[in-house]
Amino acid sequence: MAANETHAIALGDRGRFVVPAAVRERHGWTSGQALVALDTDAGLLVMSADEALNWLRSRLEGRDLVAELLTARRADHERETA
Protein backbone atom coordinates (compact mmCIF):
# COMPACT_ATOMS: atom_id res chain seq x y z
CA MET A 1 0.00 0.00 0.00
CA ALA A 2 1.99 2.97 -1.26
CA ALA A 3 1.31 6.56 -0.26
CA ASN A 4 0.83 8.43 -3.53
CA GLU A 5 -0.59 11.74 -2.38
CA THR A 6 -0.71 14.00 0.65
CA HIS A 7 -3.96 15.67 1.68
CA ALA A 8 -4.43 18.31 4.36
CA ILE A 9 -7.58 17.63 6.36
CA ALA A 10 -9.02 19.23 9.47
CA LEU A 11 -10.38 17.45 12.50
CA GLY A 12 -13.84 18.81 13.17
CA ASP A 13 -16.17 18.80 16.12
CA ARG A 14 -16.90 15.38 17.59
CA GLY A 15 -13.66 14.05 16.05
CA ARG A 16 -14.87 13.93 12.48
CA PHE A 17 -12.85 14.52 9.35
CA VAL A 18 -13.73 14.43 5.67
CA VAL A 19 -11.90 12.01 3.40
CA PRO A 20 -11.10 13.94 0.21
CA ALA A 21 -13.11 12.94 -2.85
CA ALA A 22 -9.99 11.92 -4.78
CA VAL A 23 -9.08 9.44 -2.04
CA ARG A 24 -12.62 8.05 -1.84
CA GLU A 25 -12.69 7.60 -5.61
CA ARG A 26 -9.26 5.94 -5.74
CA HIS A 27 -10.30 3.42 -3.09
CA GLY A 28 -13.85 2.98 -4.36
CA TRP A 29 -15.34 4.09 -1.02
CA THR A 30 -18.96 5.18 -1.03
CA SER A 31 -21.03 7.29 1.34
CA GLY A 32 -22.00 5.36 4.46
CA GLN A 33 -19.48 2.59 3.86
CA ALA A 34 -17.96 1.13 7.03
CA LEU A 35 -14.20 1.61 7.23
CA VAL A 36 -11.56 0.11 9.50
CA ALA A 37 -9.21 2.41 11.45
CA LEU A 38 -5.94 0.91 12.69
CA ASP A 39 -4.17 2.97 15.35
CA THR A 40 -0.45 2.33 14.83
CA ASP A 41 2.80 3.85 16.08
CA ALA A 42 3.08 5.50 12.66
CA GLY A 43 -0.40 7.03 12.85
CA LEU A 44 -3.95 6.18 11.92
CA LEU A 45 -4.51 3.90 8.93
CA VAL A 46 -8.00 4.04 7.43
CA MET A 47 -9.17 1.43 4.94
CA SER A 48 -12.09 -0.71 3.89
CA ALA A 49 -12.53 -4.15 5.44
CA ASP A 50 -11.26 -5.80 2.24
CA GLU A 51 -8.21 -3.52 2.19
CA ALA A 52 -7.56 -4.29 5.87
CA LEU A 53 -7.75 -8.04 5.21
CA ASN A 54 -5.33 -7.75 2.27
CA TRP A 55 -2.99 -5.55 4.35
CA LEU A 56 -3.02 -8.05 7.22
CA ARG A 57 -2.41 -10.98 4.89
CA SER A 58 0.57 -9.17 3.35
CA ARG A 59 2.03 -8.60 6.85
CA LEU A 60 1.67 -12.29 7.72
CA GLU A 61 2.81 -13.73 4.40
CA GLY A 62 5.56 -16.30 4.82
CA ARG A 63 5.14 -16.55 8.60
CA ASP A 64 4.29 -19.78 10.39
CA LEU A 65 2.01 -18.51 13.14
CA VAL A 66 1.50 -21.94 14.67
CA ALA A 67 5.26 -22.47 15.00
CA GLU A 68 5.64 -18.96 16.49
CA LEU A 69 2.90 -19.67 19.02
CA LEU A 70 4.42 -23.02 19.99
CA THR A 71 7.85 -21.43 20.41
CA ALA A 72 6.39 -18.72 22.64
CA ARG A 73 4.44 -21.28 24.71
CA ARG A 74 7.56 -23.42 25.18
CA ALA A 75 9.56 -20.39 26.29
CA ASP A 76 6.79 -19.43 28.74
CA HIS A 77 6.74 -22.99 30.12
CA GLU A 78 10.52 -23.03 30.55
CA ARG A 79 10.44 -19.69 32.43
CA GLU A 80 7.62 -20.89 34.68
CA THR A 81 9.31 -24.20 35.56
CA ALA A 82 12.82 -22.78 36.03
C-alpha atoms as a PDB file:
ATOM      1  CA  MET A   1       0.000   0.000   0.000  1.00  0.00           C
ATOM      2  CA  ALA A   2       1.988   2.974  -1.257  1.00  0.00           C
ATOM      3  CA  ALA A   3       1.306   6.559  -0.263  1.00  0.00           C
ATOM      4  CA  ASN A   4       0.828   8.426  -3.525  1.00  0.00           C
ATOM      5  CA  GLU A   5      -0.593  11.737  -2.376  1.00  0.00           C
ATOM      6  CA  THR A   6      -0.707  14.005   0.647  1.00  0.00           C
ATOM      7  CA  HIS A   7      -3.963  15.670   1.684  1.00  0.00           C
ATOM      8  CA  ALA A   8      -4.430  18.313   4.358  1.00  0.00           C
ATOM      9  CA  ILE A   9      -7.580  17.628   6.361  1.00  0.00           C
ATOM     10  CA  ALA A  10      -9.022  19.233   9.470  1.00  0.00           C
ATOM     11  CA  LEU A  11     -10.379  17.451  12.504  1.00  0.00           C
ATOM     12  CA  GLY A  12     -13.842  18.810  13.171  1.00  0.00           C
ATOM     13  CA  ASP A  13     -16.171  18.802  16.120  1.00  0.00           C
ATOM     14  CA  ARG A  14     -16.903  15.381  17.587  1.00  0.00           C
ATOM     15  CA  GLY A  15     -13.659  14.048  16.052  1.00  0.00           C
ATOM     16  CA  ARG A  16     -14.871  13.931  12.475  1.00  0.00           C
ATOM     17  CA  PHE A  17     -12.849  14.519   9.349  1.00  0.00           C
ATOM     18  CA  VAL A  18     -13.731  14.432   5.668  1.00  0.00           C
ATOM     19  CA  VAL A  19     -11.904  12.012   3.403  1.00  0.00           C
ATOM     20  CA  PRO A  20     -11.098  13.945   0.214  1.00  0.00           C
ATOM     21  CA  ALA A  21     -13.107  12.943  -2.854  1.00  0.00           C
ATOM     22  CA  ALA A  22      -9.991  11.919  -4.784  1.00  0.00           C
ATOM     23  CA  VAL A  23      -9.077   9.438  -2.039  1.00  0.00           C
ATOM     24  CA  ARG A  24     -12.622   8.055  -1.843  1.00  0.00           C
ATOM     25  CA  GLU A  25     -12.694   7.605  -5.613  1.00  0.00           C
ATOM     26  CA  ARG A  26      -9.262   5.942  -5.736  1.00  0.00           C
ATOM     27  CA  HIS A  27     -10.304   3.417  -3.086  1.00  0.00           C
ATOM     28  CA  GLY A  28     -13.851   2.984  -4.355  1.00  0.00           C
ATOM     29  CA  TRP A  29     -15.340   4.089  -1.016  1.00  0.00           C
ATOM     30  CA  THR A  30     -18.960   5.179  -1.034  1.00  0.00           C
ATOM     31  CA  SER A  31     -21.031   7.290   1.340  1.00  0.00           C
ATOM     32  CA  GLY A  32     -22.001   5.365   4.458  1.00  0.00           C
ATOM     33  CA  GLN A  33     -19.485   2.586   3.858  1.00  0.00           C
ATOM     34  CA  ALA A  34     -17.959   1.134   7.026  1.00  0.00           C
ATOM     35  CA  LEU A  35     -14.201   1.613   7.234  1.00  0.00           C
ATOM     36  CA  VAL A  36     -11.557   0.113   9.505  1.00  0.00           C
ATOM     37  CA  ALA A  37      -9.215   2.409  11.453  1.00  0.00           C
ATOM     38  CA  LEU A  38      -5.942   0.912  12.693  1.00  0.00           C
ATOM     39  CA  ASP A  39      -4.173   2.974  15.347  1.00  0.00           C
ATOM     40  CA  THR A  40      -0.449   2.334  14.829  1.00  0.00           C
ATOM     41  CA  ASP A  41       2.802   3.849  16.081  1.00  0.00           C
ATOM     42  CA  ALA A  42       3.082   5.505  12.658  1.00  0.00           C
ATOM     43  CA  GLY A  43      -0.398   7.033  12.845  1.00  0.00           C
ATOM     44  CA  LEU A  44      -3.946   6.180  11.916  1.00  0.00           C
ATOM     45  CA  LEU A  45      -4.507   3.898   8.928  1.00  0.00           C
ATOM     46  CA  VAL A  46      -8.000   4.042   7.425  1.00  0.00           C
ATOM     47  CA  MET A  47      -9.165   1.432   4.935  1.00  0.00           C
ATOM     48  CA  SER A  48     -12.090  -0.715   3.890  1.00  0.00           C
ATOM     49  CA  ALA A  49     -12.530  -4.152   5.442  1.00  0.00           C
ATOM     50  CA  ASP A  50     -11.262  -5.797   2.242  1.00  0.00           C
ATOM     51  CA  GLU A  51      -8.209  -3.521   2.187  1.00  0.00           C
ATOM     52  CA  ALA A  52      -7.562  -4.292   5.874  1.00  0.00           C
ATOM     53  CA  LEU A  53      -7.748  -8.038   5.211  1.00  0.00           C
ATOM     54  CA  ASN A  54      -5.328  -7.748   2.273  1.00  0.00           C
ATOM     55  CA  TRP A  55      -2.989  -5.550   4.348  1.00  0.00           C
ATOM     56  CA  LEU A  56      -3.016  -8.047   7.222  1.00  0.00           C
ATOM     57  CA  ARG A  57      -2.412 -10.983   4.889  1.00  0.00           C
ATOM     58  CA  SER A  58       0.574  -9.174   3.351  1.00  0.00           C
ATOM     59  CA  ARG A  59       2.027  -8.597   6.851  1.00  0.00           C
ATOM     60  CA  LEU A  60       1.670 -12.288   7.722  1.00  0.00           C
ATOM     61  CA  GLU A  61       2.807 -13.731   4.403  1.00  0.00           C
ATOM     62  CA  GLY A  62       5.559 -16.297   4.818  1.00  0.00           C
ATOM     63  CA  ARG A  63       5.144 -16.547   8.599  1.00  0.00           C
ATOM     64  CA  ASP A  64       4.289 -19.780  10.387  1.00  0.00           C
ATOM     65  CA  LEU A  65       2.007 -18.509  13.137  1.00  0.00           C
ATOM     66  CA  VAL A  66       1.501 -21.944  14.672  1.00  0.00           C
ATOM     67  CA  ALA A  67       5.262 -22.472  14.998  1.00  0.00           C
ATOM     68  CA  GLU A  68       5.645 -18.963  16.493  1.00  0.00           C
ATOM     69  CA  LEU A  69       2.903 -19.675  19.021  1.00  0.00           C
ATOM     70  CA  LEU A  70       4.417 -23.019  19.985  1.00  0.00           C
ATOM     71  CA  THR A  71       7.847 -21.433  20.411  1.00  0.00           C
ATOM     72  CA  ALA A  72       6.387 -18.722  22.642  1.00  0.00           C
ATOM     73  CA  ARG A  73       4.443 -21.283  24.706  1.00  0.00           C
ATOM     74  CA  ARG A  74       7.556 -23.421  25.178  1.00  0.00           C
ATOM     75  CA  ALA A  75       9.557 -20.387  26.290  1.00  0.00           C
ATOM     76  CA  ASP A  76       6.792 -19.433  28.740  1.00  0.00           C
ATOM     77  CA  HIS A  77       6.739 -22.985  30.120  1.00  0.00           C
ATOM     78  CA  GLU A  78      10.515 -23.032  30.546  1.00  0.00           C
ATOM     79  CA  ARG A  79      10.442 -19.687  32.432  1.00  0.00           C
ATOM     80  CA  GLU A  80       7.623 -20.887  34.676  1.00  0.00           C
ATOM     81  CA  THR A  81       9.306 -24.198  35.556  1.00  0.00           C
ATOM     82  CA  ALA A  82      12.818 -22.780  36.035  1.00  0.00           C
END
